[in-house]
Amino acid sequence: MDGVAESPIIHNVLYNLLFLMIYIINFKFFLLSELETFRFYPHLITIFRFYISELDLD
């Protein structure tokens, strides 16, 4: 099924937006409480690994 939703460029943009939103949310938590933020870093690293694995590096 070839469509706009199947475009790798659209997928990369969506992954970028997702990653950016998560980064901003984590930064807000960091501003609220530095100690609380350390709980979120493992999730951020996991999502970053997923983000890298989803990119087409061919």
PDB file of N, CA and C in Angstrom:
ATOM      1  N   MET A   1       0.850  -1.191   0.000  1.00  0.00           N
ATOM      2  CA  MET A   1       0.000   0.000   0.000  1.00  0.00           C
ATOM      3  C   MET A   1       0.886   1.242   0.000  1.00  0.00           C
ATOM      4  N   ASP A   2       0.997   1.878  -1.142  1.00  0.00           N
ATOM      5  CA  ASP A   2       1.821   3.081  -1.244  1.00  0.00           C
ATOM      6  C   ASP A   2       0.961   4.312  -1.016  1.00  0.00           C
ATOM      7  N   GLY A   3       1.316   5.060  -0.020  1.00  0.00           N
ATOM      8  CA  GLY A   3       0.584   6.286   0.278  1.00  0.00           C
ATOM      9  C   GLY A   3       1.474   7.239   1.031  1.00  0.00           C
ATOM     10  N   VAL A   4       0.914   8.366   1.417  1.00  0.00           N
ATOM     11  CA  VAL A   4       1.692   9.363   2.146  1.00  0.00           C
ATOM     12  C   VAL A   4       2.164   8.800   3.479  1.00  0.00           C
ATOM     13  N   ALA A   5       1.301   8.015   4.128  1.00  0.00           N
ATOM     14  CA  ALA A   5       1.642   7.468   5.444  1.00  0.00           C
ATOM     15  C   ALA A   5       2.795   6.470   5.365  1.00  0.00           C
ATOM     16  N   GLU A   6       3.016   5.886   4.180  1.00  0.00           N
ATOM     17  CA  GLU A   6       4.079   4.895   4.027  1.00  0.00           C
ATOM     18  C   GLU A   6       5.421   5.533   3.672  1.00  0.00           C
ATOM     19  N   SER A   7       5.428   6.837   3.455  1.00  0.00           N
ATOM     20  CA  SER A   7       6.662   7.523   3.060  1.00  0.00           C
ATOM     21  C   SER A   7       7.680   7.519   4.197  1.00  0.00           C
ATOM     22  N   PRO A   8       8.927   7.098   3.907  1.00  0.00           N
ATOM     23  CA  PRO A   8       9.953   7.091   4.960  1.00  0.00           C
ATOM     24  C   PRO A   8      10.245   8.487   5.499  1.00  0.00           C
ATOM     25  N   ILE A   9      10.071   9.509   4.646  1.00  0.00           N
ATOM     26  CA  ILE A   9      10.301  10.885   5.109  1.00  0.00           C
ATOM     27  C   ILE A   9       9.279  11.248   6.178  1.00  0.00           C
ATOM     28  N   ILE A  10       8.019  10.901   5.949  1.00  0.00           N
ATOM     29  CA  ILE A  10       6.968  11.162   6.935  1.00  0.00           C
ATOM     30  C   ILE A  10       7.271  10.411   8.223  1.00  0.00           C
ATOM     31  N   HIS A  11       7.714   9.152   8.093  1.00  0.00           N
ATOM     32  CA  HIS A  11       8.046   8.368   9.284  1.00  0.00           C
ATOM     33  C   HIS A  11       9.170   9.023  10.067  1.00  0.00           C
ATOM     34  N   ASN A  12      10.207   9.495   9.377  1.00  0.00           N
ATOM     35  CA  ASN A  12      11.323  10.146  10.060  1.00  0.00           C
ATOM     36  C   ASN A  12      10.879  11.425  10.757  1.00  0.00           C
ATOM     37  N   VAL A  13      10.000  12.180  10.115  1.00  0.00           N
ATOM     38  CA  VAL A  13       9.477  13.404  10.737  1.00  0.00           C
ATOM     39  C   VAL A  13       8.690  13.060  11.997  1.00  0.00           C
ATOM     40  N   LEU A  14       7.864  12.012  11.916  1.00  0.00           N
ATOM     41  CA  LEU A  14       7.078  11.615  13.085  1.00  0.00           C
ATOM     42  C   LEU A  14       7.972  11.151  14.225  1.00  0.00           C
ATOM     43  N   TYR A  15       9.013  10.372  13.909  1.00  0.00           N
ATOM     44  CA  TYR A  15       9.945   9.935  14.947  1.00  0.00           C
ATOM     45  C   TYR A  15      10.673  11.130  15.556  1.00  0.00           C
ATOM     46  N   ASN A  16      11.039  12.100  14.711  1.00  0.00           N
ATOM     47  CA  ASN A  16      11.695  13.306  15.228  1.00  0.00           C
ATOM     48  C   ASN A  16      10.783  14.063  16.177  1.00  0.00           C
ATOM     49  N   LEU A  17       9.523  14.217  15.803  1.00  0.00           N
ATOM     50  CA  LEU A  17       8.569  14.924  16.661  1.00  0.00           C
ATOM     51  C   LEU A  17       8.358  14.187  17.975  1.00  0.00           C
ATOM     52  N   LEU A  18       8.242  12.865  17.898  1.00  0.00           N
ATOM     53  CA  LEU A  18       8.057  12.061  19.102  1.00  0.00           C
ATOM     54  C   LEU A  18       9.248  12.222  20.034  1.00  0.00           C
ATOM     55  N   PHE A  19      10.445  12.111  19.464  1.00  0.00           N
ATOM     56  CA  PHE A  19      11.654  12.215  20.273  1.00  0.00           C
ATOM     57  C   PHE A  19      11.778  13.610  20.886  1.00  0.00           C
ATOM     58  N   LEU A  20      11.451  14.637  20.099  1.00  0.00           N
ATOM     59  CA  LEU A  20      11.531  16.014  20.583  1.00  0.00           C
ATOM     60  C   LEU A  20      10.533  16.251  21.712  1.00  0.00           C
ATOM     61  N   MET A  21       9.312  15.737  21.571  1.00  0.00           N
ATOM     62  CA  MET A  21       8.307  15.897  22.626  1.00  0.00           C
ATOM     63  C   MET A  21       8.769  15.250  23.923  1.00  0.00           C
ATOM     64  N   ILE A  22       9.321  14.039  23.803  1.00  0.00           N
ATOM     65  CA  ILE A  22       9.797  13.335  24.997  1.00  0.00           C
ATOM     66  C   ILE A  22      10.952  14.090  25.635  1.00  0.00           C
ATOM     67  N   TYR A  23      11.842  14.632  24.810  1.00  0.00           N
ATOM     68  CA  TYR A  23      12.977  15.407  25.316  1.00  0.00           C
ATOM     69  C   TYR A  23      12.491  16.638  26.077  1.00  0.00           C
ATOM     70  N   ILE A  24      11.516  17.350  25.504  1.00  0.00           N
ATOM     71  CA  ILE A  24      10.980  18.556  26.149  1.00  0.00           C
ATOM     72  C   ILE A  24      10.289  18.203  27.466  1.00  0.00           C
ATOM     73  N   ILE A  25       9.512  17.120  27.471  1.00  0.00           N
ATOM     74  CA  ILE A  25       8.829  16.693  28.700  1.00  0.00           C
ATOM     75  C   ILE A  25       9.844  16.367  29.782  1.00  0.00           C
ATOM     76  N   ASN A  26      10.901  15.652  29.407  1.00  0.00           N
ATOM     77  CA  ASN A  26      11.942  15.319  30.379  1.00  0.00           C
ATOM     78  C   ASN A  26      12.635  16.573  30.889  1.00  0.00           C
ATOM     79  N   PHE A  27      12.844  17.537  30.010  1.00  0.00           N
ATOM     80  CA  PHE A  27      13.500  18.777  30.423  1.00  0.00           C
ATOM     81  C   PHE A  27      12.623  19.545  31.406  1.00  0.00           C
ATOM     82  N   LYS A  28      11.309  19.531  31.192  1.00  0.00           N
ATOM     83  CA  LYS A  28      10.398  20.188  32.138  1.00  0.00           C
ATOM     84  C   LYS A  28      10.470  19.517  33.507  1.00  0.00           C
ATOM     85  N   PHE A  29      10.515  18.183  33.507  1.00  0.00           N
ATOM     86  CA  PHE A  29      10.663  17.476  34.778  1.00  0.00           C
ATOM     87  C   PHE A  29      11.982  17.839  35.444  1.00  0.00           C
ATOM     88  N   PHE A  30      13.020  18.008  34.634  1.00  0.00           N
ATOM     89  CA  PHE A  30      14.331  18.372  35.170  1.00  0.00           C
ATOM     90  C   PHE A  30      14.267  19.742  35.846  1.00  0.00           C
ATOM     91  N   LEU A  31      13.537  20.662  35.238  1.00  0.00           N
ATOM     92  CA  LEU A  31      13.402  21.990  35.830  1.00  0.00           C
ATOM     93  C   LEU A  31      12.618  21.926  37.137  1.00  0.00           C
ATOM     94  N   LEU A  32      11.637  21.035  37.205  1.00  0.00           N
ATOM     95  CA  LEU A  32      10.828  20.922  38.420  1.00  0.00           C
ATOM     96  C   LEU A  32      11.620  20.294  39.557  1.00  0.00           C
ATOM     97  N   SER A  33      12.342  19.218  39.249  1.00  0.00           N
ATOM     98  CA  SER A  33      13.084  18.530  40.290  1.00  0.00           C
ATOM     99  C   SER A  33      14.186  17.680  39.671  1.00  0.00           C
ATOM    100  N   GLU A  34      15.430  18.024  39.964  1.00  0.00           N
ATOM    101  CA  GLU A  34      16.553  17.316  39.360  1.00  0.00           C
ATOM    102  C   GLU A  34      16.567  15.847  39.758  1.00  0.00           C
ATOM    103  N   LEU A  35      16.285  15.547  41.006  1.00  0.00           N
ATOM    104  CA  LEU A  35      16.337  14.163  41.463  1.00  0.00           C
ATOM    105  C   LEU A  35      15.248  13.311  40.825  1.00  0.00           C
ATOM    106  N   GLU A  36      14.063  13.888  40.660  1.00  0.00           N
ATOM    107  CA  GLU A  36      12.958  13.146  40.057  1.00  0.00           C
ATOM    108  C   GLU A  36      13.266  12.758  38.615  1.00  0.00           C
ATOM    109  N   THR A  37      14.039  13.600  37.936  1.00  0.00           N
ATOM    110  CA  THR A  37      14.296  13.378  36.518  1.00  0.00           C
ATOM    111  C   THR A  37      15.088  12.117  36.265  1.00  0.00           C
ATOM    112  N   PHE A  38      15.940  11.723  37.197  1.00  0.00           N
ATOM    113  CA  PHE A  38      16.797  10.571  36.959  1.00  0.00           C
ATOM    114  C   PHE A  38      15.987   9.297  36.739  1.00  0.00           C
ATOM    115  N   ARG A  39      14.753   9.285  37.203  1.00  0.00           N
ATOM    116  CA  ARG A  39      13.876   8.146  36.939  1.00  0.00           C
ATOM    117  C   ARG A  39      13.535   8.049  35.454  1.00  0.00           C
ATOM    118  N   PHE A  40      13.512   9.182  34.768  1.00  0.00           N
ATOM    119  CA  PHE A  40      13.048   9.207  33.381  1.00  0.00           C
ATOM    120  C   PHE A  40      14.164   8.928  32.385  1.00  0.00           C
ATOM    121  N   TYR A  41      15.420   9.083  32.799  1.00  0.00           N
ATOM    122  CA  TYR A  41      16.513   8.895  31.854  1.00  0.00           C
ATOM    123  C   TYR A  41      16.586   7.496  31.253  1.00  0.00           C
ATOM    124  N   PRO A  42      16.362   6.413  32.016  1.00  0.00           N
ATOM    125  CA  PRO A  42      16.377   5.092  31.371  1.00  0.00           C
ATOM    126  C   PRO A  42      15.327   4.966  30.268  1.00  0.00           C
ATOM    127  N   HIS A  43      14.161   5.572  30.467  1.00  0.00           N
ATOM    128  CA  HIS A  43      13.127   5.548  29.441  1.00  0.00           C
ATOM    129  C   HIS A  43      13.583   6.333  28.219  1.00  0.00           C
ATOM    130  N   LEU A  44      14.226   7.465  28.455  1.00  0.00           N
ATOM    131  CA  LEU A  44      14.716   8.293  27.357  1.00  0.00           C
ATOM    132  C   LEU A  44      15.760   7.539  26.547  1.00  0.00           C
ATOM    133  N   ILE A  45      16.655   6.831  27.234  1.00  0.00           N
ATOM    134  CA  ILE A  45      17.691   6.058  26.548  1.00  0.00           C
ATOM    135  C   ILE A  45      17.063   4.923  25.741  1.00  0.00           C
ATOM    136  N   THR A  46      16.076   4.249  26.311  1.00  0.00           N
ATOM    137  CA  THR A  46      15.389   3.165  25.602  1.00  0.00           C
ATOM    138  C   THR A  46      14.712   3.685  24.343  1.00  0.00           C
ATOM    139  N   ILE A  47      14.045   4.824  24.454  1.00  0.00           N
ATOM    140  CA  ILE A  47      13.360   5.404  23.300  1.00  0.00           C
ATOM    141  C   ILE A  47      14.373   5.860  22.260  1.00  0.00           C
ATOM    142  N   PHE A  48      15.507   6.387  22.720  1.00  0.00           N
ATOM    143  CA  PHE A  48      16.544   6.811  21.788  1.00  0.00           C
ATOM    144  C   PHE A  48      17.091   5.617  21.009  1.00  0.00           C
ATOM    145  N   ARG A  49      17.289   4.495  21.702  1.00  0.00           N
ATOM    146  CA  ARG A  49      17.762   3.278  21.026  1.00  0.00           C
ATOM    147  C   ARG A  49      16.744   2.815  19.991  1.00  0.00           C
ATOM    148  N   PHE A  50      15.463   2.866  20.345  1.00  0.00           N
ATOM    149  CA  PHE A  50      14.408   2.491  19.408  1.00  0.00           C
ATOM    150  C   PHE A  50      14.406   3.436  18.211  1.00  0.00           C
ATOM    151  N   TYR A  51      14.564   4.726  18.475  1.00  0.00           N
ATOM    152  CA  TYR A  51      14.593   5.745  17.430  1.00  0.00           C
ATOM    153  C   TYR A  51      15.733   5.479  16.447  1.00  0.00           C
ATOM    154  N   ILE A  52      16.914   5.156  16.969  1.00  0.00           N
ATOM    155  CA  ILE A  52      18.064   4.866  16.114  1.00  0.00           C
ATOM    156  C   ILE A  52      17.810   3.595  15.296  1.00  0.00           C
ATOM    157  N   SER A  53      17.230   2.580  15.933  1.00  0.00           N
ATOM    158  CA  SER A  53      17.003   1.314  15.234  1.00  0.00           C
ATOM    159  C   SER A  53      15.955   1.457  14.130  1.00  0.00           C
ATOM    160  N   GLU A  54      15.064   2.438  14.251  1.00  0.00           N
ATOM    161  CA  GLU A  54      14.013   2.626  13.253  1.00  0.00           C
ATOM    162  C   GLU A  54      14.476   3.446  12.052  1.00  0.00           C
ATOM    163  N   LEU A  55      15.586   4.163  12.196  1.00  0.00           N
ATOM    164  CA  LEU A  55      16.073   4.980  11.083  1.00  0.00           C
ATOM    165  C   LEU A  55      16.683   4.089  10.015  1.00  0.00           C
ATOM    166  N   ASP A  56      16.453   4.451   8.764  1.00  0.00           N
ATOM    167  CA  ASP A  56      17.081   3.723   7.657  1.00  0.00           C
ATOM    168  C   ASP A  56      18.448   4.333   7.409  1.00  0.00           C
ATOM    169  N   LEU A  57      19.484   3.580   7.737  1.00  0.00           N
ATOM    170  CA  LEU A  57      20.842   4.088   7.575  1.00  0.00           C
ATOM    171  C   LEU A  57      21.508   3.498   6.335  1.00  0.00           C
ATOM    172  N   ASP A  58      20.692   3.026   5.395  1.00  0.00           N
ATOM    173  CA  ASP A  58      21.253   2.438   4.165  1.00  0.00           C
ATOM    174  C   ASP A  58      21.865   3.524   3.296  1.00  0.00           C
TER     175      ASP A  58
END
